[in-house]
PDB file of N, CA and C in Angstrom:
ATOM      1  N   MET A   1     -29.370 -42.359   5.144  1.00  0.00           N
ATOM      2  CA  MET A   1     -28.672 -41.454   5.872  1.00  0.00           C
ATOM      3  C   MET A   1     -29.611 -40.529   6.533  1.00  0.00           C
ATOM      4  N   GLY A   2     -29.334 -40.502   7.879  1.00  0.00           N
ATOM      5  CA  GLY A   2     -30.109 -39.682   8.722  1.00  0.00           C
ATOM      6  C   GLY A   2     -29.914 -38.183   8.623  1.00  0.00           C
ATOM      7  N   GLU A   3     -30.720 -37.349   9.340  1.00  0.00           N
ATOM      8  CA  GLU A   3     -30.824 -35.878   9.307  1.00  0.00           C
ATOM      9  C   GLU A   3     -29.424 -35.383   9.796  1.00  0.00           C
ATOM     10  N   LEU A   4     -29.063 -35.949  10.935  1.00  0.00           N
ATOM     11  CA  LEU A   4     -27.847 -35.517  11.656  1.00  0.00           C
ATOM     12  C   LEU A   4     -26.631 -35.876  10.640  1.00  0.00           C
ATOM     13  N   THR A   5     -26.438 -37.002  10.129  1.00  0.00           N
ATOM     14  CA  THR A   5     -25.461 -37.294   9.235  1.00  0.00           C
ATOM     15  C   THR A   5     -25.461 -36.315   8.015  1.00  0.00           C
ATOM     16  N   ARG A   6     -26.520 -36.011   7.370  1.00  0.00           N
ATOM     17  CA  ARG A   6     -26.578 -35.092   6.403  1.00  0.00           C
ATOM     18  C   ARG A   6     -26.076 -33.674   6.684  1.00  0.00           C
ATOM     19  N   VAL A   7     -26.620 -33.259   7.923  1.00  0.00           N
ATOM     20  CA  VAL A   7     -26.183 -31.863   8.474  1.00  0.00           C
ATOM     21  C   VAL A   7     -24.617 -31.854   8.628  1.00  0.00           C
ATOM     22  N   ILE A   8     -24.145 -32.781   9.361  1.00  0.00           N
ATOM     23  CA  ILE A   8     -22.696 -32.832   9.682  1.00  0.00           C
ATOM     24  C   ILE A   8     -21.855 -32.944   8.383  1.00  0.00           C
ATOM     25  N   GLN A   9     -22.278 -33.715   7.439  1.00  0.00           N
ATOM     26  CA  GLN A   9     -21.561 -33.873   6.167  1.00  0.00           C
ATOM     27  C   GLN A   9     -21.570 -32.617   5.379  1.00  0.00           C
ATOM     28  N   GLN A  10     -22.719 -31.886   5.378  1.00  0.00           N
ATOM     29  CA  GLN A  10     -22.771 -30.570   4.568  1.00  0.00           C
ATOM     30  C   GLN A  10     -22.046 -29.582   5.313  1.00  0.00           C
ATOM     31  N   ARG A  11     -22.032 -29.551   6.632  1.00  0.00           N
ATOM     32  CA  ARG A  11     -21.213 -28.498   7.384  1.00  0.00           C
ATOM     33  C   ARG A  11     -19.672 -28.809   7.046  1.00  0.00           C
ATOM     34  N   LEU A  12     -19.320 -30.147   7.151  1.00  0.00           N
ATOM     35  CA  LEU A  12     -17.935 -30.414   6.859  1.00  0.00           C
ATOM     36  C   LEU A  12     -17.561 -30.007   5.434  1.00  0.00           C
ATOM     37  N   ASP A  13     -18.368 -30.229   4.532  1.00  0.00           N
ATOM     38  CA  ASP A  13     -18.103 -29.871   3.135  1.00  0.00           C
ATOM     39  C   ASP A  13     -17.863 -28.426   3.024  1.00  0.00           C
ATOM     40  N   ASP A  14     -18.708 -27.697   3.681  1.00  0.00           N
ATOM     41  CA  ASP A  14     -18.615 -26.141   3.699  1.00  0.00           C
ATOM     42  C   ASP A  14     -17.410 -25.630   4.394  1.00  0.00           C
ATOM     43  N   ALA A  15     -17.055 -26.318   5.499  1.00  0.00           N
ATOM     44  CA  ALA A  15     -15.858 -25.873   6.271  1.00  0.00           C
ATOM     45  C   ALA A  15     -14.627 -26.223   5.463  1.00  0.00           C
ATOM     46  N   TYR A  16     -14.558 -27.336   4.942  1.00  0.00           N
ATOM     47  CA  TYR A  16     -13.374 -27.742   4.137  1.00  0.00           C
ATOM     48  C   TYR A  16     -13.176 -26.782   2.842  1.00  0.00           C
ATOM     49  N   GLU A  17     -14.252 -26.382   2.279  1.00  0.00           N
ATOM     50  CA  GLU A  17     -14.173 -25.373   1.119  1.00  0.00           C
ATOM     51  C   GLU A  17     -13.711 -24.060   1.571  1.00  0.00           C
ATOM     52  N   SER A  18     -14.206 -23.622   2.796  1.00  0.00           N
ATOM     53  CA  SER A  18     -13.796 -22.327   3.358  1.00  0.00           C
ATOM     54  C   SER A  18     -12.346 -22.420   3.811  1.00  0.00           C
ATOM     55  N   LEU A  19     -11.945 -23.593   4.226  1.00  0.00           N
ATOM     56  CA  LEU A  19     -10.584 -23.724   4.738  1.00  0.00           C
ATOM     57  C   LEU A  19      -9.501 -23.610   3.544  1.00  0.00           C
ATOM     58  N   ARG A  20     -10.015 -24.231   2.352  1.00  0.00           N
ATOM     59  CA  ARG A  20      -9.091 -24.158   1.149  1.00  0.00           C
ATOM     60  C   ARG A  20      -9.054 -22.605   0.749  1.00  0.00           C
ATOM     61  N   SER A  21     -10.155 -21.926   0.790  1.00  0.00           N
ATOM     62  CA  SER A  21     -10.193 -20.464   0.430  1.00  0.00           C
ATOM     63  C   SER A  21      -9.416 -19.730   1.330  1.00  0.00           C
ATOM     64  N   ALA A  22      -9.444 -20.017   2.579  1.00  0.00           N
ATOM     65  CA  ALA A  22      -8.692 -19.166   3.534  1.00  0.00           C
ATOM     66  C   ALA A  22      -7.175 -19.499   3.403  1.00  0.00           C
ATOM     67  N   HIS A  23      -6.834 -20.697   3.097  1.00  0.00           N
ATOM     68  CA  HIS A  23      -5.389 -21.021   2.753  1.00  0.00           C
ATOM     69  C   HIS A  23      -4.949 -20.249   1.562  1.00  0.00           C
ATOM     70  N   ALA A  24      -5.620 -20.226   0.538  1.00  0.00           N
ATOM     71  CA  ALA A  24      -5.377 -19.584  -0.664  1.00  0.00           C
ATOM     72  C   ALA A  24      -5.217 -18.082  -0.502  1.00  0.00           C
ATOM     73  N   ALA A  25      -6.049 -17.493   0.484  1.00  0.00           N
ATOM     74  CA  ALA A  25      -6.008 -16.047   0.600  1.00  0.00           C
ATOM     75  C   ALA A  25      -4.938 -15.619   1.761  1.00  0.00           C
ATOM     76  N   GLY A  26      -4.363 -16.745   2.376  1.00  0.00           N
ATOM     77  CA  GLY A  26      -3.385 -16.405   3.443  1.00  0.00           C
ATOM     78  C   GLY A  26      -4.003 -15.898   4.647  1.00  0.00           C
ATOM     79  N   ASP A  27      -5.263 -16.273   4.970  1.00  0.00           N
ATOM     80  CA  ASP A  27      -6.006 -15.708   6.176  1.00  0.00           C
ATOM     81  C   ASP A  27      -5.784 -16.816   7.247  1.00  0.00           C
ATOM     82  N   THR A  28      -4.694 -16.595   7.967  1.00  0.00           N
ATOM     83  CA  THR A  28      -4.412 -17.570   9.095  1.00  0.00           C
ATOM     84  C   THR A  28      -5.432 -17.721  10.208  1.00  0.00           C
ATOM     85  N   TYR A  29      -6.131 -16.522  10.423  1.00  0.00           N
ATOM     86  CA  TYR A  29      -7.164 -16.568  11.466  1.00  0.00           C
ATOM     87  C   TYR A  29      -8.287 -17.471  11.034  1.00  0.00           C
ATOM     88  N   LEU A  30      -8.947 -17.235   9.804  1.00  0.00           N
ATOM     89  CA  LEU A  30      -9.873 -18.103   9.274  1.00  0.00           C
ATOM     90  C   LEU A  30      -9.501 -19.544   9.173  1.00  0.00           C
ATOM     91  N   VAL A  31      -8.194 -19.698   8.924  1.00  0.00           N
ATOM     92  CA  VAL A  31      -7.673 -21.086   8.757  1.00  0.00           C
ATOM     93  C   VAL A  31      -7.810 -21.785  10.156  1.00  0.00           C
ATOM     94  N   ASP A  32      -7.413 -21.093  11.221  1.00  0.00           N
ATOM     95  CA  ASP A  32      -7.471 -21.682  12.612  1.00  0.00           C
ATOM     96  C   ASP A  32      -8.997 -21.848  12.819  1.00  0.00           C
ATOM     97  N   ILE A  33      -9.850 -20.942  12.702  1.00  0.00           N
ATOM     98  CA  ILE A  33     -11.286 -21.100  13.004  1.00  0.00           C
ATOM     99  C   ILE A  33     -11.846 -22.429  12.163  1.00  0.00           C
ATOM    100  N   ARG A  34     -11.533 -22.469  10.961  1.00  0.00           N
ATOM    101  CA  ARG A  34     -12.071 -23.585  10.212  1.00  0.00           C
ATOM    102  C   ARG A  34     -11.520 -24.889  10.665  1.00  0.00           C
ATOM    103  N   GLN A  35     -10.244 -25.010  11.036  1.00  0.00           N
ATOM    104  CA  GLN A  35      -9.627 -26.316  11.453  1.00  0.00           C
ATOM    105  C   GLN A  35     -10.423 -26.633  12.834  1.00  0.00           C
ATOM    106  N   GLU A  36     -10.662 -25.725  13.643  1.00  0.00           N
ATOM    107  CA  GLU A  36     -11.331 -26.058  14.919  1.00  0.00           C
ATOM    108  C   GLU A  36     -12.800 -26.469  14.635  1.00  0.00           C
ATOM    109  N   GLU A  37     -13.493 -25.783  13.662  1.00  0.00           N
ATOM    110  CA  GLU A  37     -14.807 -26.314  13.386  1.00  0.00           C
ATOM    111  C   GLU A  37     -14.852 -27.648  12.831  1.00  0.00           C
ATOM    112  N   ILE A  38     -13.925 -28.036  11.934  1.00  0.00           N
ATOM    113  CA  ILE A  38     -13.715 -29.244  11.298  1.00  0.00           C
ATOM    114  C   ILE A  38     -13.511 -30.388  12.413  1.00  0.00           C
ATOM    115  N   SER A  39     -12.570 -30.026  13.442  1.00  0.00           N
ATOM    116  CA  SER A  39     -12.318 -30.984  14.498  1.00  0.00           C
ATOM    117  C   SER A  39     -13.478 -31.257  15.320  1.00  0.00           C
ATOM    118  N   GLU A  40     -14.304 -30.141  15.697  1.00  0.00           N
ATOM    119  CA  GLU A  40     -15.544 -30.221  16.484  1.00  0.00           C
ATOM    120  C   GLU A  40     -16.580 -31.116  15.736  1.00  0.00           C
ATOM    121  N   LEU A  41     -16.797 -30.840  14.481  1.00  0.00           N
ATOM    122  CA  LEU A  41     -17.819 -31.647  13.678  1.00  0.00           C
ATOM    123  C   LEU A  41     -17.319 -33.065  13.635  1.00  0.00           C
ATOM    124  N   ARG A  42     -16.205 -33.459  13.451  1.00  0.00           N
ATOM    125  CA  ARG A  42     -15.654 -34.754  13.240  1.00  0.00           C
ATOM    126  C   ARG A  42     -15.822 -35.413  14.748  1.00  0.00           C
ATOM    127  N   ARG A  43     -15.644 -34.740  15.727  1.00  0.00           N
ATOM    128  CA  ARG A  43     -15.802 -35.226  17.200  1.00  0.00           C
ATOM    129  C   ARG A  43     -17.245 -35.548  17.340  1.00  0.00           C
ATOM    130  N   ILE A  44     -18.196 -34.732  16.979  1.00  0.00           N
ATOM    131  CA  ILE A  44     -19.601 -34.975  17.041  1.00  0.00           C
ATOM    132  C   ILE A  44     -20.010 -36.077  16.345  1.00  0.00           C
ATOM    133  N   ALA A  45     -19.487 -36.256  15.075  1.00  0.00           N
ATOM    134  CA  ALA A  45     -19.683 -37.480  14.195  1.00  0.00           C
ATOM    135  C   ALA A  45     -19.297 -38.716  14.953  1.00  0.00           C
ATOM    136  N   ALA A  46     -18.018 -38.722  15.517  1.00  0.00           N
ATOM    137  CA  ALA A  46     -17.558 -40.017  16.136  1.00  0.00           C
ATOM    138  C   ALA A  46     -18.318 -40.270  17.336  1.00  0.00           C
ATOM    139  N   ASN A  47     -18.794 -39.265  18.078  1.00  0.00           N
ATOM    140  CA  ASN A  47     -19.523 -39.576  19.263  1.00  0.00           C
ATOM    141  C   ASN A  47     -20.869 -40.215  18.920  1.00  0.00           C
ATOM    142  N   ASN A  48     -21.281 -39.877  17.809  1.00  0.00           N
ATOM    143  CA  ASN A  48     -22.684 -40.389  17.389  1.00  0.00           C
ATOM    144  C   ASN A  48     -22.564 -41.603  16.376  1.00  0.00           C
ATOM    145  N   ASP A  49     -21.312 -42.163  16.261  1.00  0.00           N
ATOM    146  CA  ASP A  49     -21.075 -43.375  15.357  1.00  0.00           C
ATOM    147  C   ASP A  49     -21.512 -42.963  13.889  1.00  0.00           C
ATOM    148  N   ILE A  50     -21.149 -41.820  13.481  1.00  0.00           N
ATOM    149  CA  ILE A  50     -21.466 -41.426  12.045  1.00  0.00           C
ATOM    150  C   ILE A  50     -20.227 -41.290  11.310  1.00  0.00           C
ATOM    151  N   GLY A  51     -20.110 -42.055  10.310  1.00  0.00           N
ATOM    152  CA  GLY A  51     -18.935 -42.047   9.402  1.00  0.00           C
ATOM    153  C   GLY A  51     -19.061 -40.887   8.470  1.00  0.00           C
ATOM    154  N   VAL A  52     -18.015 -40.185   8.313  1.00  0.00           N
ATOM    155  CA  VAL A  52     -18.124 -38.972   7.347  1.00  0.00           C
ATOM    156  C   VAL A  52     -17.176 -39.139   6.307  1.00  0.00           C
ATOM    157  N   GLU A  53     -17.479 -38.674   5.110  1.00  0.00           N
ATOM    158  CA  GLU A  53     -16.591 -38.737   3.900  1.00  0.00           C
ATOM    159  C   GLU A  53     -15.373 -38.025   4.113  1.00  0.00           C
ATOM    160  N   ALA A  54     -14.256 -38.410   3.485  1.00  0.00           N
ATOM    161  CA  ALA A  54     -13.033 -37.613   3.394  1.00  0.00           C
ATOM    162  C   ALA A  54     -13.334 -36.492   2.504  1.00  0.00           C
ATOM    163  N   PRO A  55     -12.523 -35.296   2.964  1.00  0.00           N
ATOM    164  CA  PRO A  55     -12.722 -34.166   2.132  1.00  0.00           C
ATOM    165  C   PRO A  55     -12.345 -34.273   0.626  1.00  0.00           C
ATOM    166  N   ARG A  56     -12.988 -33.569  -0.239  1.00  0.00           N
ATOM    167  CA  ARG A  56     -12.659 -33.706  -1.651  1.00  0.00           C
ATOM    168  C   ARG A  56     -11.425 -32.716  -1.744  1.00  0.00           C
ATOM    169  N   CYS A  57     -10.445 -33.148  -2.744  1.00  0.00           N
ATOM    170  CA  CYS A  57      -9.314 -32.410  -2.999  1.00  0.00           C
ATOM    171  C   CYS A  57      -9.214 -31.926  -4.378  1.00  0.00           C
ATOM    172  N   ASP A  58     -10.438 -31.184  -4.784  1.00  0.00           N
ATOM    173  CA  ASP A  58     -10.480 -30.629  -6.013  1.00  0.00           C
ATOM    174  C   ASP A  58     -10.250 -29.166  -5.959  1.00  0.00           C
TER     175      ASP A  58
END
């Protein structure tokens, strides 16, 4: 796994965790921000032929 792959996967993990917390807290602004961040990270991954893991649902 390359450095870019590790960084994108870590940032996605962090963004999904923050998204779950924002949902739980009812923070719609932060939900929107995290959803955009996740979309952008997934776009970057796709443009670089990087497969990313599905989010954990724990």
